[in-house]
């Protein structure tokens, strides 16, 4: 069995951003040499997310609107966590959107359904953060 590990680094230019990381995941798969197996992609920070969905800008704006209704950034004093930091909303948004995805690898390709893509969701950005890609298989 083969095992592969790589860290992907991101630094967004705004607090919240959704980035399609499917191309990077495909590069990792090619580098791994795995033809049959599993790929884990997970955010290594508690205010960021990895999820699978459609790469459609309207949907991404819907996520932003929906998440902001569920866990609004401001006023900062509405959260007990906020004191030293002002990112309680980012922790909640990450919990809603999820930490990681596992993708089947079949015949050397990511085994996606129609329209599925992998995304990095940043909810407290403007600093370097990483995503772990771990692949196991044959």
N, C-alpha and C. Protein backbone atom coordinates (compact mmCIF):
# COMPACT_ATOMS: atom_id res chain seq x y z
N UNK A 1 0.84 -1.17 0.00
CA UNK A 1 0.00 0.00 0.00
C UNK A 1 0.89 1.25 0.00
N UNK A 2 0.50 2.23 -0.79
CA UNK A 2 1.23 3.50 -0.84
C UNK A 2 0.59 4.49 0.13
N UNK A 3 1.41 5.41 0.60
CA UNK A 3 0.94 6.50 1.46
C UNK A 3 1.58 7.79 0.99
N UNK A 4 0.79 8.86 0.93
CA UNK A 4 1.25 10.15 0.44
C UNK A 4 0.70 11.23 1.36
N UNK A 5 1.53 12.25 1.63
CA UNK A 5 1.11 13.38 2.47
C UNK A 5 1.66 14.66 1.89
N UNK A 6 0.82 15.69 1.83
CA UNK A 6 1.26 17.00 1.36
C UNK A 6 0.42 18.08 2.05
N UNK A 7 1.06 19.20 2.35
CA UNK A 7 0.35 20.35 2.89
C UNK A 7 0.19 21.40 1.80
N UNK A 8 -1.02 21.91 1.68
CA UNK A 8 -1.32 23.02 0.79
C UNK A 8 -1.48 24.27 1.64
N UNK A 9 -0.84 25.35 1.26
CA UNK A 9 -0.89 26.59 2.05
C UNK A 9 -1.70 27.65 1.33
N UNK A 10 -2.49 28.39 2.10
CA UNK A 10 -3.33 29.46 1.55
C UNK A 10 -3.22 30.70 2.43
N UNK A 11 -3.27 31.85 1.78
CA UNK A 11 -3.40 33.12 2.50
C UNK A 11 -4.37 33.97 1.70
N UNK A 12 -5.56 34.14 2.25
CA UNK A 12 -6.58 34.91 1.55
C UNK A 12 -6.36 36.40 1.76
N UNK A 13 -6.94 37.19 0.88
CA UNK A 13 -6.81 38.65 0.99
C UNK A 13 -8.01 39.29 1.66
N UNK A 14 -8.92 38.44 2.15
CA UNK A 14 -10.06 38.96 2.91
C UNK A 14 -10.45 37.94 3.98
N UNK A 15 -11.31 38.34 4.88
CA UNK A 15 -11.67 37.50 6.03
C UNK A 15 -12.33 36.20 5.62
N UNK A 16 -13.27 36.27 4.67
CA UNK A 16 -13.99 35.07 4.24
C UNK A 16 -13.82 34.89 2.73
N UNK A 17 -13.54 33.65 2.36
CA UNK A 17 -13.33 33.36 0.95
C UNK A 17 -13.49 31.87 0.71
N UNK A 18 -14.02 31.52 -0.46
CA UNK A 18 -14.13 30.12 -0.88
C UNK A 18 -13.21 29.93 -2.08
N UNK A 19 -12.33 28.92 -1.99
CA UNK A 19 -11.35 28.67 -3.04
C UNK A 19 -11.52 27.24 -3.55
N UNK A 20 -11.64 27.08 -4.86
CA UNK A 20 -11.71 25.76 -5.46
C UNK A 20 -10.30 25.15 -5.43
N UNK A 21 -10.13 24.06 -4.69
CA UNK A 21 -8.82 23.43 -4.59
C UNK A 21 -8.78 22.08 -5.32
N UNK A 22 -9.75 21.84 -6.17
CA UNK A 22 -9.77 20.60 -6.95
C UNK A 22 -8.51 20.44 -7.79
N UNK A 23 -8.03 21.49 -8.47
CA UNK A 23 -6.80 21.32 -9.26
C UNK A 23 -5.61 20.87 -8.40
N UNK A 24 -5.46 21.44 -7.20
CA UNK A 24 -4.37 21.03 -6.32
C UNK A 24 -4.55 19.58 -5.86
N UNK A 25 -5.80 19.17 -5.60
CA UNK A 25 -6.06 17.79 -5.20
C UNK A 25 -5.68 16.82 -6.32
N UNK A 26 -5.96 17.19 -7.54
CA UNK A 26 -5.62 16.34 -8.69
C UNK A 26 -4.10 16.24 -8.86
N UNK A 27 -3.38 17.32 -8.62
CA UNK A 27 -1.92 17.28 -8.67
C UNK A 27 -1.39 16.32 -7.61
N UNK A 28 -1.94 16.41 -6.40
CA UNK A 28 -1.53 15.51 -5.33
C UNK A 28 -1.77 14.06 -5.72
N UNK A 29 -2.91 13.78 -6.32
CA UNK A 29 -3.22 12.42 -6.73
C UNK A 29 -2.20 11.93 -7.75
N UNK A 30 -1.88 12.76 -8.73
CA UNK A 30 -0.88 12.37 -9.73
C UNK A 30 0.48 12.11 -9.07
N UNK A 31 0.87 12.97 -8.14
CA UNK A 31 2.15 12.81 -7.45
C UNK A 31 2.19 11.53 -6.63
N UNK A 32 1.05 11.12 -6.09
CA UNK A 32 1.00 9.95 -5.21
C UNK A 32 1.20 8.64 -5.94
N UNK A 33 0.77 8.60 -7.19
CA UNK A 33 0.83 7.35 -7.95
C UNK A 33 -0.24 6.35 -7.58
N UNK A 34 -1.16 6.72 -6.71
CA UNK A 34 -2.23 5.83 -6.27
C UNK A 34 -3.30 5.74 -7.37
N UNK A 35 -3.72 4.53 -7.67
CA UNK A 35 -4.75 4.30 -8.69
C UNK A 35 -6.09 3.90 -8.07
N UNK A 36 -6.03 3.25 -6.91
CA UNK A 36 -7.23 2.82 -6.18
C UNK A 36 -7.01 3.11 -4.71
N UNK A 37 -7.88 3.90 -4.10
CA UNK A 37 -7.70 4.21 -2.70
C UNK A 37 -8.59 5.33 -2.23
N UNK A 38 -8.08 6.09 -1.27
CA UNK A 38 -8.84 7.18 -0.66
C UNK A 38 -7.96 8.40 -0.48
N UNK A 39 -8.56 9.57 -0.66
CA UNK A 39 -7.89 10.83 -0.41
C UNK A 39 -8.65 11.56 0.70
N UNK A 40 -7.92 11.93 1.74
CA UNK A 40 -8.46 12.77 2.81
C UNK A 40 -7.94 14.18 2.56
N UNK A 41 -8.82 15.16 2.60
CA UNK A 41 -8.43 16.56 2.49
C UNK A 41 -9.05 17.27 3.68
N UNK A 42 -8.20 17.81 4.58
CA UNK A 42 -8.78 18.46 5.75
C UNK A 42 -8.06 19.76 6.12
N UNK A 43 -8.86 20.68 6.60
CA UNK A 43 -8.35 21.97 7.07
C UNK A 43 -7.63 21.74 8.39
N UNK A 44 -6.46 22.35 8.52
CA UNK A 44 -5.65 22.18 9.73
C UNK A 44 -5.80 23.38 10.67
N UNK A 45 -6.87 24.14 10.50
CA UNK A 45 -7.12 25.31 11.34
C UNK A 45 -8.60 25.32 11.72
N UNK A 46 -8.89 25.77 12.92
CA UNK A 46 -10.25 25.66 13.46
C UNK A 46 -11.19 26.76 12.99
N UNK A 47 -10.73 27.61 12.10
CA UNK A 47 -11.60 28.63 11.51
C UNK A 47 -11.63 28.52 9.99
N UNK A 48 -11.33 27.33 9.47
CA UNK A 48 -11.36 27.06 8.03
C UNK A 48 -12.02 25.71 7.80
N UNK A 49 -12.46 25.49 6.59
CA UNK A 49 -13.23 24.30 6.26
C UNK A 49 -12.78 23.72 4.92
N UNK A 50 -13.04 22.44 4.73
CA UNK A 50 -12.94 21.80 3.42
C UNK A 50 -14.27 21.11 3.18
N UNK A 51 -14.83 21.33 2.00
CA UNK A 51 -16.13 20.73 1.68
C UNK A 51 -16.23 20.47 0.19
N UNK A 52 -17.23 19.69 -0.20
CA UNK A 52 -17.49 19.38 -1.60
C UNK A 52 -18.83 19.97 -1.98
N UNK A 53 -18.83 20.66 -3.12
CA UNK A 53 -20.08 21.18 -3.65
C UNK A 53 -19.85 21.64 -5.09
N UNK A 54 -20.79 22.39 -5.62
CA UNK A 54 -20.76 22.89 -6.99
C UNK A 54 -19.94 24.18 -7.07
N UNK A 55 -19.19 24.36 -8.13
CA UNK A 55 -18.40 25.58 -8.33
C UNK A 55 -19.25 26.59 -9.08
N UNK A 56 -20.18 27.21 -8.37
CA UNK A 56 -21.11 28.16 -8.97
C UNK A 56 -21.12 29.41 -8.09
N UNK A 57 -20.74 30.56 -8.65
CA UNK A 57 -20.61 31.79 -7.84
C UNK A 57 -21.87 32.17 -7.07
N UNK A 58 -23.04 31.97 -7.65
CA UNK A 58 -24.27 32.29 -6.94
C UNK A 58 -24.44 31.44 -5.70
N UNK A 59 -24.09 30.16 -5.80
CA UNK A 59 -24.15 29.27 -4.65
C UNK A 59 -23.17 29.71 -3.58
N UNK A 60 -21.98 30.11 -3.99
CA UNK A 60 -20.98 30.57 -3.02
C UNK A 60 -21.47 31.81 -2.28
N UNK A 61 -22.14 32.70 -2.98
CA UNK A 61 -22.72 33.87 -2.31
C UNK A 61 -23.85 33.44 -1.38
N UNK A 62 -24.61 32.43 -1.78
CA UNK A 62 -25.66 31.90 -0.91
C UNK A 62 -25.07 31.33 0.37
N UNK A 63 -23.94 30.63 0.27
CA UNK A 63 -23.26 30.14 1.48
C UNK A 63 -22.91 31.31 2.39
N UNK A 64 -22.32 32.34 1.81
CA UNK A 64 -21.91 33.52 2.60
C UNK A 64 -23.11 34.13 3.31
N UNK A 65 -24.21 34.33 2.58
CA UNK A 65 -25.41 34.93 3.15
C UNK A 65 -26.00 34.04 4.25
N UNK A 66 -26.10 32.76 3.98
CA UNK A 66 -26.67 31.80 4.93
C UNK A 66 -25.82 31.71 6.20
N UNK A 67 -24.51 31.57 6.02
CA UNK A 67 -23.62 31.46 7.18
C UNK A 67 -23.64 32.74 8.01
N UNK A 68 -23.72 33.88 7.36
CA UNK A 68 -23.75 35.16 8.09
C UNK A 68 -25.04 35.30 8.89
N UNK A 69 -26.14 34.73 8.40
CA UNK A 69 -27.39 34.74 9.16
C UNK A 69 -27.28 33.83 10.39
N UNK A 70 -26.64 32.67 10.21
CA UNK A 70 -26.51 31.70 11.31
C UNK A 70 -25.51 32.15 12.37
N UNK A 71 -24.40 32.74 11.92
CA UNK A 71 -23.33 33.16 12.83
C UNK A 71 -22.75 34.48 12.35
N UNK A 72 -23.45 35.58 12.61
CA UNK A 72 -22.99 36.88 12.11
C UNK A 72 -21.65 37.28 12.75
N UNK A 73 -20.81 37.89 11.92
CA UNK A 73 -19.51 38.34 12.41
C UNK A 73 -19.65 39.39 13.50
N UNK A 74 -20.56 40.35 13.29
CA UNK A 74 -20.72 41.47 14.23
C UNK A 74 -22.14 41.49 14.77
N UNK A 75 -22.37 42.03 15.94
CA UNK A 75 -21.39 42.67 16.82
C UNK A 75 -20.51 41.63 17.50
N UNK A 76 -19.23 41.95 17.64
CA UNK A 76 -18.27 41.02 18.21
C UNK A 76 -18.62 40.64 19.65
N UNK A 77 -19.23 41.56 20.38
CA UNK A 77 -19.50 41.29 21.80
C UNK A 77 -20.69 40.35 22.03
N UNK A 78 -21.31 39.86 20.97
CA UNK A 78 -22.39 38.88 21.14
C UNK A 78 -21.85 37.49 21.50
N UNK A 79 -20.54 37.28 21.35
CA UNK A 79 -19.94 35.97 21.60
C UNK A 79 -19.05 36.00 22.84
N UNK A 80 -19.18 34.98 23.65
CA UNK A 80 -18.33 34.87 24.85
C UNK A 80 -16.87 34.57 24.49
N UNK A 81 -16.65 33.91 23.36
CA UNK A 81 -15.29 33.58 22.92
C UNK A 81 -14.49 34.85 22.62
N UNK A 82 -15.16 35.83 22.06
CA UNK A 82 -14.46 37.05 21.65
C UNK A 82 -13.99 37.83 22.86
N UNK A 83 -12.76 38.14 22.86
CA UNK A 83 -12.11 38.89 23.92
C UNK A 83 -10.73 39.23 23.41
N UNK A 84 -9.89 38.20 23.40
CA UNK A 84 -8.57 38.36 22.82
C UNK A 84 -8.66 38.40 21.30
N UNK A 85 -9.58 37.61 20.73
CA UNK A 85 -9.78 37.56 19.28
C UNK A 85 -11.22 37.94 18.97
N UNK A 86 -11.48 38.15 17.69
CA UNK A 86 -12.84 38.51 17.26
C UNK A 86 -13.37 37.50 16.24
N UNK A 87 -13.08 36.22 16.45
CA UNK A 87 -13.38 35.24 15.42
C UNK A 87 -14.33 34.11 15.85
N UNK A 88 -15.14 34.34 16.85
CA UNK A 88 -16.07 33.30 17.28
C UNK A 88 -16.97 32.85 16.12
N UNK A 89 -17.41 33.81 15.32
CA UNK A 89 -18.26 33.46 14.17
C UNK A 89 -17.56 32.49 13.22
N UNK A 90 -16.25 32.66 13.04
CA UNK A 90 -15.49 31.79 12.14
C UNK A 90 -15.45 30.35 12.66
N UNK A 91 -15.34 30.18 13.96
CA UNK A 91 -15.37 28.84 14.56
C UNK A 91 -16.71 28.17 14.29
N UNK A 92 -17.79 28.93 14.44
CA UNK A 92 -19.12 28.37 14.22
C UNK A 92 -19.34 28.04 12.75
N UNK A 93 -18.89 28.92 11.85
CA UNK A 93 -19.05 28.68 10.41
C UNK A 93 -18.29 27.42 9.99
N UNK A 94 -17.10 27.23 10.54
CA UNK A 94 -16.32 26.03 10.24
C UNK A 94 -17.05 24.78 10.69
N UNK A 95 -17.67 24.83 11.87
CA UNK A 95 -18.40 23.67 12.36
C UNK A 95 -19.54 23.32 11.42
N UNK A 96 -20.22 24.31 10.91
CA UNK A 96 -21.34 24.08 9.99
C UNK A 96 -20.85 23.50 8.66
N UNK A 97 -19.76 24.04 8.12
CA UNK A 97 -19.28 23.64 6.79
C UNK A 97 -18.41 22.39 6.81
N UNK A 98 -17.89 22.03 7.96
CA UNK A 98 -17.14 20.78 8.07
C UNK A 98 -15.64 20.95 8.02
N UNK A 99 -14.96 19.95 8.55
CA UNK A 99 -13.51 19.97 8.66
C UNK A 99 -12.82 19.33 7.47
N UNK A 100 -13.40 18.22 6.94
CA UNK A 100 -12.69 17.46 5.92
C UNK A 100 -13.64 16.75 4.97
N UNK A 101 -13.02 16.23 3.90
CA UNK A 101 -13.74 15.36 2.97
C UNK A 101 -12.85 14.15 2.69
N UNK A 102 -13.48 13.04 2.37
CA UNK A 102 -12.79 11.84 1.91
C UNK A 102 -13.33 11.54 0.52
N UNK A 103 -12.41 11.36 -0.43
CA UNK A 103 -12.79 11.15 -1.82
C UNK A 103 -12.25 9.81 -2.28
N UNK A 104 -13.11 9.01 -2.87
CA UNK A 104 -12.67 7.73 -3.43
C UNK A 104 -11.79 7.99 -4.65
N UNK A 105 -10.79 7.15 -4.81
CA UNK A 105 -9.92 7.18 -5.99
C UNK A 105 -10.18 5.90 -6.75
N UNK A 106 -10.58 6.03 -8.00
CA UNK A 106 -10.89 4.88 -8.84
C UNK A 106 -10.19 5.05 -10.18
N UNK A 107 -9.42 4.06 -10.55
CA UNK A 107 -8.70 4.08 -11.83
C UNK A 107 -7.86 5.36 -11.99
N UNK A 108 -7.24 5.80 -10.88
CA UNK A 108 -6.34 6.94 -10.92
C UNK A 108 -7.01 8.30 -10.98
N UNK A 109 -8.33 8.34 -10.74
CA UNK A 109 -9.07 9.61 -10.79
C UNK A 109 -9.90 9.80 -9.53
N UNK A 110 -10.16 11.06 -9.20
CA UNK A 110 -11.07 11.36 -8.10
C UNK A 110 -12.47 10.94 -8.54
N UNK A 111 -13.12 10.13 -7.75
CA UNK A 111 -14.40 9.54 -8.11
C UNK A 111 -15.54 10.44 -7.64
N UNK A 112 -15.75 11.51 -8.38
CA UNK A 112 -16.76 12.52 -8.06
C UNK A 112 -18.09 12.23 -8.74
N UNK A 113 -19.16 12.76 -8.14
CA UNK A 113 -20.44 12.81 -8.80
C UNK A 113 -20.47 14.03 -9.73
N UNK A 114 -21.53 14.17 -10.50
CA UNK A 114 -21.63 15.33 -11.40
C UNK A 114 -21.50 16.64 -10.63
N UNK A 115 -20.69 17.52 -11.15
CA UNK A 115 -20.50 18.89 -10.66
C UNK A 115 -19.71 19.00 -9.35
N UNK A 116 -19.34 17.88 -8.74
CA UNK A 116 -18.63 17.96 -7.46
C UNK A 116 -17.22 18.48 -7.63
N UNK A 117 -16.84 19.39 -6.72
CA UNK A 117 -15.51 19.98 -6.65
C UNK A 117 -15.15 20.09 -5.17
N UNK A 118 -13.85 20.22 -4.88
CA UNK A 118 -13.37 20.36 -3.50
C UNK A 118 -13.06 21.84 -3.25
N UNK A 119 -13.51 22.34 -2.09
CA UNK A 119 -13.32 23.75 -1.75
C UNK A 119 -12.67 23.92 -0.39
N UNK A 120 -11.86 24.96 -0.31
CA UNK A 120 -11.33 25.44 0.96
C UNK A 120 -12.16 26.65 1.33
N UNK A 121 -12.77 26.61 2.50
CA UNK A 121 -13.57 27.73 2.99
C UNK A 121 -12.82 28.43 4.11
N UNK A 122 -12.49 29.67 3.89
CA UNK A 122 -11.77 30.47 4.89
C UNK A 122 -12.77 31.41 5.56
N UNK A 123 -12.78 31.42 6.89
CA UNK A 123 -13.73 32.24 7.64
C UNK A 123 -13.08 33.25 8.57
N UNK A 124 -11.75 33.21 8.65
CA UNK A 124 -10.99 34.18 9.47
C UNK A 124 -9.61 34.34 8.83
N UNK A 125 -9.61 34.88 7.63
CA UNK A 125 -8.42 34.86 6.79
C UNK A 125 -7.43 35.99 7.00
N UNK A 126 -6.65 36.18 5.95
CA UNK A 126 -5.61 37.19 5.84
C UNK A 126 -4.35 36.78 6.61
N UNK A 127 -4.16 35.47 6.78
CA UNK A 127 -2.91 34.94 7.31
C UNK A 127 -2.75 33.52 6.77
N UNK A 128 -1.52 33.01 6.80
CA UNK A 128 -1.24 31.70 6.22
C UNK A 128 -1.91 30.58 7.02
N UNK A 129 -2.57 29.70 6.26
CA UNK A 129 -3.19 28.51 6.84
C UNK A 129 -2.98 27.35 5.89
N UNK A 130 -3.11 26.13 6.44
CA UNK A 130 -2.81 24.96 5.63
C UNK A 130 -3.93 23.95 5.60
N UNK A 131 -3.87 23.15 4.54
CA UNK A 131 -4.77 22.03 4.33
C UNK A 131 -3.91 20.79 4.15
N UNK A 132 -4.28 19.71 4.81
CA UNK A 132 -3.56 18.45 4.68
C UNK A 132 -4.23 17.58 3.63
N UNK A 133 -3.43 17.02 2.76
CA UNK A 133 -3.89 16.01 1.81
C UNK A 133 -3.18 14.71 2.14
N UNK A 134 -3.94 13.69 2.45
CA UNK A 134 -3.38 12.37 2.78
C UNK A 134 -4.05 11.35 1.86
N UNK A 135 -3.21 10.59 1.14
CA UNK A 135 -3.72 9.60 0.19
C UNK A 135 -3.15 8.24 0.57
N UNK A 136 -4.03 7.25 0.61
CA UNK A 136 -3.58 5.87 0.82
C UNK A 136 -4.24 4.99 -0.24
N UNK A 137 -3.51 3.99 -0.65
CA UNK A 137 -4.05 3.07 -1.64
C UNK A 137 -2.96 2.37 -2.42
N UNK A 138 -3.36 1.83 -3.53
CA UNK A 138 -2.42 1.08 -4.38
C UNK A 138 -2.39 1.64 -5.78
